[in-house]
Amino acid sequence: MLKGLADIVVKYGLETPAIYFLETMKPLAVYMSSLTLTISAPVLEIFGIAGYDYAALFQKRDSVEKLMREIEERVKHGKNVA
């Protein structure tokens, strides 16, 4: 799931904003995922987006760091998914 997110970020050229956002939100990731579970996840599910899966993913503290590494790895090796 992290690789899919990293692919989307790189595909749309949002590496820098994504890294800044993730770095800023890293301390709050667990709390934000809990908020997402209660508010946003049910709405995302209506539109076919796996809201519960993404929220559960970010309840693990190291997931944000892993996602940042995946994005950086793709940029470093020029893996543009376009």
Protein backbone atom coordinates (compact mmCIF):
# COMPACT_ATOMS: atom_id res chain seq x y z
CA MET A 1 0.00 0.00 0.00
CA LEU A 2 2.89 2.37 0.76
CA LYS A 3 4.43 1.65 -2.63
CA GLY A 4 1.14 2.53 -4.32
CA LEU A 5 0.99 5.85 -2.46
CA ALA A 6 4.61 6.59 -3.35
CA ASP A 7 3.88 5.80 -7.01
CA ILE A 8 0.96 8.25 -7.05
CA VAL A 9 3.02 11.00 -5.42
CA VAL A 10 5.85 10.58 -7.93
CA LYS A 11 3.47 10.23 -10.87
CA TYR A 12 1.99 13.67 -10.19
CA GLY A 13 5.33 15.27 -9.32
CA LEU A 14 4.38 15.99 -5.72
CA GLU A 15 7.52 14.61 -4.11
CA THR A 16 8.68 17.79 -2.40
CA PRO A 17 5.30 18.90 -1.01
CA ALA A 18 4.56 15.34 0.12
CA ILE A 19 7.88 15.02 1.95
CA TYR A 20 7.39 18.40 3.66
CA PHE A 21 3.83 17.51 4.64
CA LEU A 22 4.78 14.06 5.93
CA GLU A 23 7.77 15.40 7.86
CA THR A 24 5.58 18.06 9.48
CA MET A 25 2.78 15.66 10.33
CA LYS A 26 4.97 12.75 11.48
CA PRO A 27 4.50 13.44 15.22
CA LEU A 28 0.72 13.59 14.76
CA ALA A 29 0.29 10.65 12.37
CA VAL A 30 -1.18 8.27 14.94
CA TYR A 31 -3.68 10.85 16.16
CA MET A 32 -4.60 11.94 12.65
CA SER A 33 -5.22 8.34 11.60
CA SER A 34 -7.60 7.90 14.54
CA LEU A 35 -9.43 11.05 13.49
CA THR A 36 -9.57 9.77 9.93
CA LEU A 37 -11.02 6.47 11.11
CA THR A 38 -13.92 8.17 12.80
CA ILE A 39 -14.67 10.97 10.33
CA SER A 40 -13.22 10.53 6.85
CA ALA A 41 -12.86 6.78 6.35
CA PRO A 42 -16.59 6.05 5.97
CA VAL A 43 -16.95 8.83 3.41
CA LEU A 44 -13.89 7.67 1.46
CA GLU A 45 -15.29 4.14 1.37
CA ILE A 46 -18.40 5.46 -0.43
CA PHE A 47 -16.16 6.68 -3.26
CA GLY A 48 -14.28 3.40 -3.48
CA ILE A 49 -11.16 4.62 -1.66
CA ALA A 50 -9.89 2.26 1.03
CA GLY A 51 -10.18 4.83 3.82
CA TYR A 52 -10.07 2.31 6.64
CA ASP A 53 -7.00 0.62 5.17
CA TYR A 54 -5.09 3.89 4.84
CA ALA A 55 -6.08 5.05 8.31
CA ALA A 56 -5.03 1.72 9.81
CA LEU A 57 -1.75 1.91 7.93
CA PHE A 58 -0.81 5.22 9.51
CA GLN A 59 -1.63 4.03 13.02
CA LYS A 60 1.79 2.40 12.94
CA ARG A 61 4.38 4.97 13.94
CA ASP A 62 6.97 3.95 11.37
CA SER A 63 4.63 4.07 8.36
CA VAL A 64 5.20 7.78 7.70
CA GLU A 65 8.97 7.26 7.66
CA LYS A 66 8.61 4.25 5.36
CA LEU A 67 6.43 6.24 2.96
CA MET A 68 8.97 9.06 2.87
CA ARG A 69 11.74 6.55 2.14
CA GLU A 70 9.67 4.99 -0.67
CA ILE A 71 9.13 8.40 -2.28
CA GLU A 72 12.79 9.36 -1.93
CA GLU A 73 13.87 6.00 -3.36
CA ARG A 74 11.71 6.49 -6.45
CA VAL A 75 13.02 10.00 -7.00
CA LYS A 76 16.62 8.91 -6.43
CA HIS A 77 16.40 6.09 -8.96
CA GLY A 78 14.25 8.05 -11.39
CA LYS A 79 11.34 5.66 -11.19
CA ASN A 80 8.77 7.94 -12.75
CA VAL A 81 5.51 6.04 -12.93
CA ALA A 82 3.89 8.24 -15.58
